[in-house]
Amino acid sequence: MTTSVAAGPHILVYPFPTSGHIIPLLDLTQRLLSRGLTVTVLVTPDNRPLLDPLVSTHPASCLQTLVLPAQVSAQYSSKNRLFTLMYGLRELHYPALLDWFKAHPSPPVAILSDFFLGWTHQLASEVGVPRVMFSPSGAFALSVSFSLWVDMPNIDEPENDDFQVSFTKIPNCPVYPWNQISHIYRLYGQGHPDREFYRSCMVANKASWGAVFNSFTELERVYLDHVKKEMDPNRVWAVGPVLPADDDVVGSTSRGGPSSVPTNEVLTWLDSRPEHSVVYVCFGSRQVLTSKQMEALAGALEETRVHFVWCVRLQIKGHVAGDHGVLPEGFEDRVAGRGYILKGWAPQVAILRHKAVGAFLTHCGWNSVLEGISAGVVMLTWPQSADQFTNAQLLVEQLKVGIRVGEGTQNIPKSTELASLLTESVDETRTERIKAKDLSGAALNAVAEGGSSDKDLDEFIKTITDLKSSN
């Protein structure tokens, strides 16, 4: 069915073209369209199909697609794949967007872009519109990133992986060992072009006209308040969790990409399991476990008697060969009937929302954190990199809905210990389960009519509408 709304202010939505970034911003775009904004979404050719659900339900008068290439010239390449993409997008898209703005009969009144696209702050200034940063990470993690890249703390023992780095300006004064600090900060010395480019993006993010977070006040109140002090307090909006409704999750086959199995197939398997008895295991869309990690996890899943769904990521096409774990020979036969193995993309939100699922073993990517919190499951944390260590700290130490399992390759649990934690995680008497249920209610209330995120979204729309009327 086509959604029909009056055309409102026109904005450009620009996601960073990787799954963990594009999915939440497209989910938010759905809400912006439903509230009457006119939106142009910039995508690269490979990601164009992800817009099909939006295109099929909104008229062209409200939703336009701007497809720009992502091929990167060798002169903009880096040894780091992230930087190659970041450099390439800037060099390809900056001039193309300048021309597009100049030629457009009714150009956007604002740019809403991912925080990996910090250079769009300069672009927005050049075309005379405000840039609003979209953060697919939480306010806690972004506070750490701002402090790291803007304040640039001194590291007395850079060769010591266990050296403790303190962030005293952030609420609760978080502390992390050196090996959990951003690898970009650790491995690239000052003056290195990649490091300086990344720092310039973070500085531009902090200087942006406004910021939208896929988070909610009841989850990160102190950190959202902190970001408001760092930026403009009237232009920081927490509008999450930006997740689809239950009907949309079960019926959709294209949110983030096609599932490796039909959604109904795995849900039918879950239907025959008792409530809260299943552990869902997934380390995100890009994380491939090492041999030791895979061995420990497979051993634990085989040893425990808990039922589980395991989304296994195999080696990603195009990645440099390295230590990538594989399923042990005969594993699937040995866990048949008790374990459901998914190889590839999983309908994660639908799985987590199923009543049979009681716990989630996760790498603590922010999308997974919000999906787990919204579903009210106990979180077993095994962060691997980036903001995941901060997110795990939030879940375990502050929200008390998580159980610490491991940390990257530095802290790999023994199979026997992990098996015990898996068993404990589905215990109905765990205090984490009670707190998870309460937090799930808070998440649902936040996005309901009159909730904190609903109000923030209204305020964001009003602010954008005021921009149109002032032009």
Protein backbone atom coordinates (compact mmCIF):
# COMPACT_ATOMS: atom_id res chain seq x y z
CA MET A 1 0.00 0.00 0.00
CA THR A 2 1.36 3.43 -0.90
CA THR A 3 1.79 5.92 1.90
CA SER A 4 0.29 9.29 1.01
CA VAL A 5 1.39 12.38 2.89
CA ALA A 6 1.71 16.04 2.04
CA ALA A 7 5.15 16.99 0.79
CA GLY A 8 7.14 18.57 3.60
CA PRO A 9 10.65 20.01 3.89
CA HIS A 10 13.22 18.34 1.69
CA ILE A 11 16.32 16.80 3.30
CA LEU A 12 19.21 14.73 1.97
CA VAL A 13 19.84 11.49 3.87
CA TYR A 14 23.33 10.10 3.32
CA PRO A 15 24.16 6.75 4.98
CA PHE A 16 27.65 5.31 5.11
CA PRO A 17 27.42 2.32 2.73
CA THR A 18 28.03 -0.58 5.11
CA SER A 19 25.24 -2.66 6.59
CA GLY A 20 25.64 -1.64 10.24
CA HIS A 21 25.36 2.03 9.24
CA ILE A 22 22.87 2.02 6.40
CA ILE A 23 20.19 -0.14 8.07
CA PRO A 24 19.41 2.14 11.05
CA LEU A 25 19.46 5.28 8.91
CA LEU A 26 17.02 3.71 6.44
CA ASP A 27 14.83 2.69 9.38
CA LEU A 28 14.91 6.32 10.51
CA THR A 29 14.16 7.47 6.96
CA GLN A 30 10.95 5.45 7.09
CA ARG A 31 9.90 7.46 10.15
CA LEU A 32 10.86 10.77 8.57
CA LEU A 33 8.75 9.95 5.53
CA SER A 34 5.81 8.91 7.69
CA ARG A 35 6.01 12.31 9.44
CA GLY A 36 5.79 14.21 6.17
CA LEU A 37 9.37 15.04 5.21
CA THR A 38 10.46 14.86 1.59
CA VAL A 39 13.64 12.79 1.44
CA THR A 40 16.37 12.15 -1.09
CA VAL A 41 18.46 9.13 -0.07
CA LEU A 42 21.99 8.87 -1.43
CA VAL A 43 23.10 5.29 -2.02
CA THR A 44 25.84 3.50 -3.92
CA PRO A 45 24.83 1.03 -6.65
CA ASP A 46 25.37 -2.10 -4.52
CA ASN A 47 23.04 -0.78 -1.82
CA ARG A 48 20.28 0.41 -4.12
CA PRO A 49 18.12 -2.74 -3.51
CA LEU A 50 17.96 -1.93 0.21
CA LEU A 51 15.71 1.01 -0.68
CA ASP A 52 13.08 -1.19 -2.37
CA PRO A 53 10.83 -1.46 0.74
CA LEU A 54 10.74 2.34 1.02
CA VAL A 55 10.32 2.95 -2.71
CA SER A 56 7.40 0.51 -2.84
CA THR A 57 5.48 2.30 -0.08
CA HIS A 58 6.17 5.98 -0.77
CA PRO A 59 5.46 8.06 -3.88
CA ALA A 60 8.23 9.65 -5.89
CA SER A 61 7.01 13.06 -4.77
CA CYS A 62 8.12 12.19 -1.22
CA LEU A 63 11.07 9.86 -1.79
CA GLN A 64 13.84 10.26 -4.34
CA THR A 65 16.94 8.13 -4.83
CA LEU A 66 20.32 9.58 -5.69
CA VAL A 67 22.69 6.84 -6.84
CA LEU A 68 26.37 7.80 -6.91
CA PRO A 69 29.30 5.48 -7.67
CA ALA A 70 31.67 4.00 -5.10
CA GLN A 71 34.59 2.95 -7.28
CA VAL A 72 37.76 4.30 -5.73
CA SER A 73 40.79 5.53 -7.64
CA ALA A 74 44.13 4.03 -6.59
CA GLN A 75 45.36 7.48 -5.57
CA TYR A 76 42.80 7.50 -2.74
CA SER A 77 43.50 3.98 -1.49
CA SER A 78 44.77 3.05 1.95
CA LYS A 79 45.99 -0.13 3.62
CA ASN A 80 42.87 0.18 5.78
CA ARG A 81 39.66 -0.76 3.92
CA LEU A 82 37.60 1.69 5.96
CA PHE A 83 39.81 4.61 4.96
CA THR A 84 39.82 3.58 1.32
CA LEU A 85 36.03 3.81 1.35
CA MET A 86 35.96 7.04 3.38
CA TYR A 87 38.52 8.73 1.10
CA GLY A 88 36.80 7.47 -2.02
CA LEU A 89 33.36 8.68 -1.03
CA ARG A 90 34.65 12.14 -0.27
CA GLU A 91 36.58 12.46 -3.52
CA LEU A 92 33.77 11.03 -5.67
CA HIS A 93 30.72 12.46 -3.95
CA TYR A 94 31.79 15.93 -2.82
CA PRO A 95 31.98 17.45 -6.33
CA ALA A 96 28.97 15.42 -7.52
CA LEU A 97 26.85 16.70 -4.64
CA LEU A 98 27.93 20.29 -5.25
CA ASP A 99 26.69 20.01 -8.82
CA TRP A 100 23.51 18.24 -7.71
CA PHE A 101 22.64 20.95 -5.19
CA LYS A 102 23.25 23.72 -7.74
CA ALA A 103 21.10 22.01 -10.39
CA HIS A 104 18.24 20.91 -8.14
CA PRO A 105 15.05 22.99 -8.52
CA SER A 106 14.18 22.50 -4.84
CA PRO A 107 17.37 21.48 -3.02
CA PRO A 108 17.36 20.03 0.50
CA VAL A 109 17.19 22.40 3.45
CA ALA A 110 19.51 20.13 5.47
CA ILE A 111 21.88 17.17 5.19
CA LEU A 112 21.49 14.22 7.56
CA SER A 113 24.63 12.12 7.21
CA ASP A 114 26.46 9.32 8.98
CA PHE A 115 29.30 10.14 11.37
CA PHE A 116 31.83 8.44 9.05
CA LEU A 117 30.99 11.23 6.58
CA GLY A 118 32.29 14.12 8.65
CA TRP A 119 33.42 15.94 5.50
CA THR A 120 29.74 16.61 4.67
CA HIS A 121 29.90 19.32 7.37
CA GLN A 122 32.16 21.31 5.03
CA LEU A 123 29.97 20.45 2.04
CA ALA A 124 26.88 21.68 3.90
CA SER A 125 28.59 24.96 4.70
CA GLU A 126 29.54 25.41 1.05
CA VAL A 127 25.96 24.90 -0.20
CA GLY A 128 24.50 26.96 2.66
CA VAL A 129 22.52 24.34 4.59
CA PRO A 130 23.00 22.82 8.07
CA ARG A 131 24.51 19.37 8.49
CA VAL A 132 23.02 17.03 11.07
CA MET A 133 25.21 14.11 12.12
CA PHE A 134 23.53 10.72 12.42
CA SER A 135 25.18 8.47 14.98
CA PRO A 136 24.60 4.72 14.52
CA SER A 137 26.54 4.36 17.79
CA GLY A 138 25.27 5.31 21.22
CA ALA A 139 25.93 8.57 23.05
CA PHE A 140 28.32 6.84 25.48
CA ALA A 141 30.50 5.52 22.66
CA LEU A 142 30.45 8.82 20.79
CA SER A 143 31.42 10.66 23.98
CA VAL A 144 34.49 8.43 24.21
CA SER A 145 35.27 9.03 20.54
CA PHE A 146 34.96 12.81 20.90
CA SER A 147 37.19 12.78 23.96
CA LEU A 148 39.75 10.56 22.25
CA TRP A 149 40.02 12.50 19.00
CA VAL A 150 39.44 16.05 20.21
CA ASP A 151 41.23 15.98 23.59
CA MET A 152 43.77 13.33 22.45
CA PRO A 153 44.87 11.93 25.85
CA ASN A 154 48.55 11.30 26.52
CA ILE A 155 49.61 7.65 26.54
CA ASP A 156 52.57 7.12 28.86
CA GLU A 157 53.15 3.47 27.94
CA PRO A 158 52.12 2.90 24.29
CA GLU A 159 53.91 -0.47 24.23
CA ASN A 160 51.90 -1.74 27.20
CA ASP A 161 48.58 -3.24 26.03
CA ASP A 162 47.28 -3.16 29.60
CA PHE A 163 48.00 0.53 30.18
CA GLN A 164 44.81 2.12 31.51
CA VAL A 165 43.42 5.08 29.55
CA SER A 166 41.05 7.25 31.60
CA PHE A 167 38.34 9.55 30.24
CA THR A 168 37.80 11.80 33.21
CA LYS A 169 35.57 14.36 31.44
CA ILE A 170 32.90 11.75 30.64
CA PRO A 171 30.27 10.76 33.22
CA ASN A 172 31.30 7.73 35.30
CA CYS A 173 34.92 8.30 34.17
CA PRO A 174 35.27 5.18 31.99
CA VAL A 175 38.67 3.46 31.82
CA TYR A 176 39.93 1.11 29.10
CA PRO A 177 43.14 -0.82 28.57
CA TRP A 178 45.24 0.52 25.70
CA ASN A 179 44.44 -2.49 23.48
CA GLN A 180 40.73 -1.60 23.57
CA ILE A 181 41.29 1.93 22.29
CA SER A 182 40.52 2.57 18.61
CA HIS A 183 43.13 0.79 16.48
CA ILE A 184 43.29 3.89 14.28
CA TYR A 185 44.45 5.91 17.28
CA ARG A 186 46.89 3.22 18.44
CA LEU A 187 48.50 2.15 15.17
CA TYR A 188 48.76 5.41 13.25
CA GLY A 189 51.14 8.02 14.61
CA GLN A 190 50.35 11.73 14.75
CA GLY A 191 50.72 13.26 11.32
CA HIS A 192 49.80 10.07 9.48
CA PRO A 193 47.32 11.08 6.75
CA ASP A 194 44.80 8.37 7.65
CA ARG A 195 44.81 9.35 11.31
CA GLU A 196 44.54 13.06 10.56
CA PHE A 197 41.71 12.47 8.09
CA TYR A 198 39.76 10.43 10.64
CA ARG A 199 40.38 13.04 13.33
CA SER A 200 39.13 15.79 11.01
CA CYS A 201 35.90 13.81 10.55
CA MET A 202 35.39 13.50 14.31
CA VAL A 203 36.12 17.20 14.86
CA ALA A 204 33.63 18.05 12.09
CA ASN A 205 31.03 15.81 13.73
CA LYS A 206 31.36 17.66 17.00
CA ALA A 207 31.09 21.00 15.17
CA SER A 208 27.98 19.93 13.26
CA TRP A 209 24.79 21.98 13.49
CA GLY A 210 22.94 19.09 15.15
CA ALA A 211 23.04 15.37 15.97
CA VAL A 212 20.52 12.54 15.84
CA PHE A 213 21.16 9.40 17.90
CA ASN A 214 19.72 5.94 17.47
CA SER A 215 19.28 5.75 21.24
CA PHE A 216 16.78 6.81 23.88
CA THR A 217 16.88 8.95 26.99
CA GLU A 218 16.09 6.20 29.49
CA LEU A 219 19.03 4.17 28.16
CA GLU A 220 21.77 6.82 28.02
CA ARG A 221 20.48 9.89 29.83
CA VAL A 222 23.80 11.00 31.38
CA TYR A 223 25.70 10.52 28.12
CA LEU A 224 23.09 12.30 26.01
CA ASP A 225 23.23 15.19 28.49
CA HIS A 226 27.02 15.15 28.16
CA VAL A 227 26.85 15.34 24.34
CA LYS A 228 24.38 18.21 24.63
CA LYS A 229 26.97 20.12 26.66
CA GLU A 230 29.60 19.34 24.03
CA MET A 231 27.35 20.41 21.14
CA ASP A 232 24.23 22.59 20.93
CA PRO A 233 21.89 21.38 23.72
CA ASN A 234 18.83 22.26 21.64
CA ARG A 235 19.94 20.27 18.61
CA VAL A 236 20.71 16.80 19.98
CA TRP A 237 17.86 14.35 19.44
CA ALA A 238 17.60 10.75 20.66
CA VAL A 239 15.00 9.07 18.45
CA GLY A 240 15.66 5.34 18.92
CA PRO A 241 15.45 2.49 18.86
CA VAL A 242 14.61 2.95 15.16
CA LEU A 243 13.44 -0.61 14.57
CA PRO A 244 10.63 -1.89 12.36
CA ALA A 245 7.32 -3.10 13.75
CA ASP A 246 6.80 -6.82 14.34
CA ASP A 247 4.72 -7.29 11.17
CA ASP A 248 7.35 -5.55 9.06
CA VAL A 249 10.15 -7.71 10.51
CA VAL A 250 8.47 -11.04 9.83
CA GLY A 251 7.15 -10.04 6.42
CA SER A 252 10.28 -8.35 5.12
CA THR A 253 12.95 -10.27 3.25
CA SER A 254 15.16 -7.35 2.32
CA ARG A 255 15.95 -5.31 5.47
CA GLY A 256 19.73 -5.26 5.25
CA GLY A 257 19.76 -8.01 2.65
CA PRO A 258 18.09 -11.35 2.00
CA SER A 259 18.19 -13.89 4.83
CA SER A 260 20.27 -17.01 4.27
CA VAL A 261 17.12 -19.01 5.18
CA PRO A 262 13.43 -18.09 4.95
CA THR A 263 12.47 -16.17 8.09
CA ASN A 264 9.45 -18.39 8.71
CA GLU A 265 11.66 -21.48 8.67
CA VAL A 266 13.78 -20.43 11.63
CA LEU A 267 10.73 -19.03 13.46
CA THR A 268 8.95 -22.37 13.04
CA TRP A 269 11.97 -24.11 14.57
CA LEU A 270 11.77 -21.70 17.51
CA ASP A 271 8.03 -22.29 17.91
CA SER A 272 8.69 -25.78 19.25
CA ARG A 273 11.07 -24.57 21.98
CA PRO A 274 10.03 -23.49 25.50
CA GLU A 275 9.84 -19.81 26.36
CA HIS A 276 13.23 -18.13 27.05
CA SER A 277 15.08 -21.43 26.53
CA VAL A 278 17.13 -20.57 23.42
CA VAL A 279 20.41 -18.66 23.14
CA TYR A 280 20.89 -16.68 19.94
CA VAL A 281 24.53 -16.35 18.90
CA CYS A 282 25.68 -13.75 16.38
CA PHE A 283 28.75 -11.56 16.04
CA GLY A 284 27.41 -9.07 13.55
CA SER A 285 27.42 -8.69 9.80
CA ARG A 286 31.20 -8.48 9.32
CA GLN A 287 32.97 -10.18 12.23
CA VAL A 288 34.65 -13.48 11.39
CA LEU A 289 35.90 -15.39 14.43
CA THR A 290 39.48 -16.61 14.70
CA SER A 291 40.25 -20.32 14.96
CA LYS A 292 40.65 -20.14 18.76
CA GLN A 293 37.44 -18.17 19.19
CA MET A 294 35.52 -20.58 16.96
CA GLU A 295 36.94 -23.58 18.78
CA ALA A 296 35.97 -22.19 22.20
CA LEU A 297 32.46 -21.22 21.10
CA ALA A 298 31.70 -24.44 19.22
CA GLY A 299 33.02 -26.48 22.14
CA ALA A 300 30.80 -24.58 24.57
CA LEU A 301 27.69 -24.93 22.42
CA GLU A 302 28.34 -28.65 22.09
CA GLU A 303 28.97 -29.11 25.81
CA THR A 304 25.97 -27.18 27.09
CA ARG A 305 22.52 -28.66 26.74
CA VAL A 306 20.95 -25.31 25.93
CA HIS A 307 19.14 -24.93 22.61
CA PHE A 308 20.66 -22.32 20.33
CA VAL A 309 20.53 -20.52 17.00
CA TRP A 310 24.01 -19.67 15.73
CA CYS A 311 24.55 -17.25 12.88
CA VAL A 312 27.99 -18.23 11.56
CA ARG A 313 29.93 -15.71 9.52
CA LEU A 314 32.30 -17.32 7.08
CA GLN A 315 35.29 -15.59 5.49
CA ILE A 316 34.11 -12.40 3.79
CA LYS A 317 34.70 -12.15 0.07
CA GLY A 318 37.45 -9.66 -0.71
CA HIS A 319 39.09 -9.78 2.71
CA VAL A 320 42.76 -10.67 2.99
CA ALA A 321 43.23 -14.29 4.01
CA GLY A 322 44.08 -14.76 7.67
CA ASP A 323 43.09 -16.67 10.77
CA HIS A 324 39.45 -17.40 10.08
CA GLY A 325 37.77 -20.12 12.11
CA VAL A 326 35.62 -22.84 10.59
CA LEU A 327 32.97 -25.09 12.09
CA PRO A 328 34.52 -28.26 13.55
CA GLU A 329 34.00 -31.36 11.45
CA GLY A 330 30.82 -33.14 12.45
CA PHE A 331 29.64 -30.30 14.70
CA GLU A 332 26.30 -29.84 12.97
CA ASP A 333 25.49 -33.54 13.25
CA ARG A 334 26.37 -33.63 16.92
CA VAL A 335 24.06 -30.70 17.80
CA ALA A 336 21.25 -31.67 15.43
CA GLY A 337 17.83 -31.01 16.92
CA ARG A 338 19.27 -28.73 19.61
CA GLY A 339 21.12 -26.23 17.46
CA TYR A 340 20.04 -24.30 14.37
CA ILE A 341 22.95 -23.10 12.21
CA LEU A 342 22.58 -20.09 9.92
CA LYS A 343 25.37 -19.43 7.42
CA GLY A 344 25.09 -15.84 6.21
CA TRP A 345 22.63 -13.04 6.87
CA ALA A 346 20.10 -13.73 9.64
CA PRO A 347 16.64 -12.24 10.31
CA GLN A 348 18.03 -11.10 13.65
CA VAL A 349 15.25 -8.83 14.89
CA ALA A 350 12.61 -11.49 14.22
CA ILE A 351 14.69 -14.13 16.01
CA LEU A 352 15.35 -11.96 19.07
CA ARG A 353 11.67 -11.04 19.39
CA HIS A 354 10.57 -14.67 19.41
CA LYS A 355 9.34 -15.77 22.86
CA ALA A 356 11.61 -18.83 22.82
CA VAL A 357 14.78 -16.71 22.82
CA GLY A 358 16.05 -15.85 26.29
CA ALA A 359 19.65 -14.76 25.76
CA PHE A 360 21.86 -13.21 23.09
CA LEU A 361 25.59 -13.88 22.76
CA THR A 362 26.75 -10.78 20.91
CA HIS A 363 29.77 -8.78 19.79
CA CYS A 364 27.96 -5.70 21.16
CA GLY A 365 27.63 -3.71 17.97
CA TRP A 366 25.16 -0.90 18.70
CA ASN A 367 22.46 -2.22 16.36
CA SER A 368 22.63 -5.60 18.08
CA VAL A 369 22.60 -3.93 21.50
CA LEU A 370 19.39 -2.04 20.69
CA GLU A 371 17.77 -5.08 19.10
CA GLY A 372 18.59 -7.20 22.15
CA ILE A 373 17.44 -4.54 24.61
CA SER A 374 14.16 -4.03 22.74
CA ALA A 375 13.54 -7.78 22.81
CA GLY A 376 14.20 -7.95 26.55
CA VAL A 377 16.79 -10.73 26.39
CA VAL A 378 19.83 -11.27 28.61
CA MET A 379 22.99 -10.12 26.84
CA LEU A 380 26.15 -12.25 26.85
CA THR A 381 28.90 -9.83 25.85
CA TRP A 382 31.98 -10.68 23.78
CA PRO A 383 33.09 -7.38 22.17
CA GLN A 384 35.67 -7.52 19.39
CA SER A 385 36.63 -3.97 18.40
CA ALA A 386 35.65 -0.30 17.99
CA ASP A 387 32.75 0.93 20.17
CA GLN A 388 31.85 -2.62 21.20
CA PHE A 389 33.97 -2.48 24.38
CA THR A 390 32.14 0.66 25.48
CA ASN A 391 28.78 -0.90 24.67
CA ALA A 392 29.64 -4.03 26.64
CA GLN A 393 30.64 -1.90 29.61
CA LEU A 394 27.28 -0.13 29.43
CA LEU A 395 25.37 -3.43 29.35
CA VAL A 396 27.29 -5.20 32.11
CA GLU A 397 28.41 -2.53 34.56
CA GLN A 398 25.77 0.18 34.23
CA LEU A 399 22.53 -1.31 32.92
CA LYS A 400 23.11 -4.70 34.60
CA VAL A 401 21.45 -6.62 31.74
CA GLY A 402 24.63 -8.27 30.50
CA ILE A 403 26.97 -11.10 31.47
CA ARG A 404 30.61 -10.68 30.47
CA VAL A 405 31.83 -13.64 28.40
CA GLY A 406 35.02 -12.56 26.65
CA GLU A 407 36.89 -9.65 25.09
CA GLY A 408 38.26 -9.94 21.58
CA THR A 409 41.14 -12.35 21.14
CA GLN A 410 42.79 -11.18 24.38
CA ASN A 411 40.22 -12.87 26.62
CA ILE A 412 38.83 -16.04 25.06
CA PRO A 413 36.78 -18.07 27.54
CA LYS A 414 37.39 -21.75 28.04
CA SER A 415 34.68 -23.90 26.53
CA THR A 416 33.65 -25.31 29.90
CA GLU A 417 33.32 -21.83 31.44
CA LEU A 418 31.37 -20.52 28.46
CA ALA A 419 29.07 -23.55 28.53
CA SER A 420 28.21 -22.74 32.16
CA LEU A 421 27.47 -19.10 31.28
CA LEU A 422 25.22 -20.17 28.41
CA THR A 423 23.26 -22.39 30.78
CA GLU A 424 23.01 -19.65 33.42
CA SER A 425 21.84 -17.04 30.88
CA VAL A 426 18.48 -18.76 30.32
CA ASP A 427 17.78 -19.17 34.03
CA GLU A 428 14.50 -17.40 34.72
CA THR A 429 15.72 -16.24 38.14
CA ARG A 430 18.72 -14.26 36.85
CA THR A 431 18.53 -10.62 37.92
CA GLU A 432 19.73 -9.63 34.43
CA ARG A 433 16.51 -11.09 33.00
CA ILE A 434 14.33 -8.96 35.27
CA LYS A 435 16.29 -5.81 34.40
CA ALA A 436 16.24 -6.70 30.69
CA LYS A 437 12.46 -6.96 30.76
CA ASP A 438 12.18 -3.55 32.43
CA LEU A 439 14.58 -1.98 29.92
CA SER A 440 12.64 -3.51 27.03
CA GLY A 441 9.52 -1.80 28.33
CA ALA A 442 11.38 1.50 28.53
CA ALA A 443 12.53 1.09 24.91
CA LEU A 444 9.00 0.42 23.69
CA ASN A 445 7.62 3.35 25.71
CA ALA A 446 10.28 5.69 24.30
CA VAL A 447 9.11 5.24 20.70
CA ALA A 448 5.40 5.06 21.56
CA GLU A 449 3.25 8.16 21.15
CA GLY A 450 4.30 10.70 23.76
CA GLY A 451 7.50 8.82 24.65
CA SER A 452 10.90 10.50 24.89
CA SER A 453 12.07 9.39 21.43
CA ASP A 454 8.71 10.19 19.87
CA LYS A 455 8.92 13.72 21.27
CA ASP A 456 12.53 14.13 20.12
CA LEU A 457 11.57 13.03 16.61
CA ASP A 458 8.75 15.58 16.63
CA GLU A 459 11.20 18.26 17.74
CA PHE A 460 13.63 17.29 14.99
CA ILE A 461 10.88 17.47 12.36
CA LYS A 462 9.76 20.85 13.71
CA THR A 463 13.31 22.20 13.60
CA ILE A 464 13.71 21.07 9.99
CA THR A 465 10.32 22.55 9.11
CA ASP A 466 11.38 25.87 10.64
CA LEU A 467 14.42 25.81 8.34
CA LYS A 468 12.14 25.57 5.31
CA SER A 469 9.96 28.44 6.46
CA SER A 470 12.99 30.66 7.12
CA ASN A 471 14.41 30.18 3.59
